[in-house]
Amino acid sequence: MPTPLIIIITLFILNWIIRVLIRKNPENKSLIKVSFLISFSMIAYTIYYFIFSSNS
């Protein structure tokens, strides 16, 4: 399994764990920020990997 795929899957699983914790405690704003940051970094890394790795 290639390393970028492992990174994306790990971020995806971590994000779902945090979303379960948010569902148990919806008032926790720091968990919501961390979930948003993980989602954004996962999207950004996926775009970066597919655009910039194909050019090299």
Protein backbone atom coordinates (compact mmCIF):
# COMPACT_ATOMS: atom_id res chain seq x y z
CA MET A 1 0.00 0.00 0.00
CA PRO A 2 1.54 3.35 -0.98
CA THR A 3 2.38 5.85 1.77
CA PRO A 4 0.01 8.65 0.61
CA LEU A 5 -2.89 6.23 0.71
CA ILE A 6 -1.97 5.23 4.28
CA ILE A 7 -1.88 8.92 5.29
CA ILE A 8 -5.29 9.64 3.75
CA ILE A 9 -6.90 6.55 5.34
CA THR A 10 -5.40 7.39 8.74
CA LEU A 11 -6.74 10.95 8.58
CA PHE A 12 -10.15 9.63 7.52
CA ILE A 13 -10.36 7.19 10.44
CA LEU A 14 -9.11 9.80 12.90
CA ASN A 15 -11.74 12.24 11.65
CA TRP A 16 -14.53 9.71 12.17
CA ILE A 17 -13.33 9.02 15.72
CA ILE A 18 -13.42 12.75 16.46
CA ARG A 19 -16.90 13.04 14.91
CA VAL A 20 -18.15 10.30 17.27
CA LEU A 21 -16.70 12.28 20.19
CA ILE A 22 -18.40 15.44 18.87
CA ARG A 23 -21.71 13.58 18.71
CA LYS A 24 -21.30 12.64 22.40
CA ASN A 25 -20.35 16.20 23.38
CA PRO A 26 -21.62 18.73 20.78
CA GLU A 27 -20.65 21.77 22.90
CA ASN A 28 -16.91 21.05 22.58
CA LYS A 29 -15.75 23.69 20.09
CA SER A 30 -12.11 22.55 20.05
CA LEU A 31 -13.13 19.10 18.74
CA ILE A 32 -15.14 20.76 15.97
CA LYS A 33 -12.09 22.85 15.00
CA VAL A 34 -9.83 19.78 15.00
CA SER A 35 -12.34 17.87 12.84
CA PHE A 36 -12.49 20.75 10.38
CA LEU A 37 -8.70 20.98 10.29
CA ILE A 38 -8.35 17.24 9.63
CA SER A 39 -10.97 17.38 6.87
CA PHE A 40 -9.29 20.36 5.24
CA SER A 41 -5.82 18.79 5.45
CA MET A 42 -7.13 15.51 4.01
CA ILE A 43 -8.67 17.32 1.02
CA ALA A 44 -5.60 19.52 0.54
CA TYR A 45 -3.21 16.55 0.71
CA THR A 46 -5.31 14.55 -1.76
CA ILE A 47 -5.36 17.44 -4.24
CA TYR A 48 -1.64 18.06 -3.72
CA TYR A 49 -0.79 14.39 -4.24
CA PHE A 50 -2.82 13.92 -7.41
CA ILE A 51 -1.81 17.22 -9.05
CA PHE A 52 1.84 17.49 -8.12
CA SER A 53 2.87 13.84 -8.10
CA SER A 54 1.64 13.29 -11.65
CA ASN A 55 3.86 16.12 -12.95
CA SER A 56 7.10 14.57 -11.73
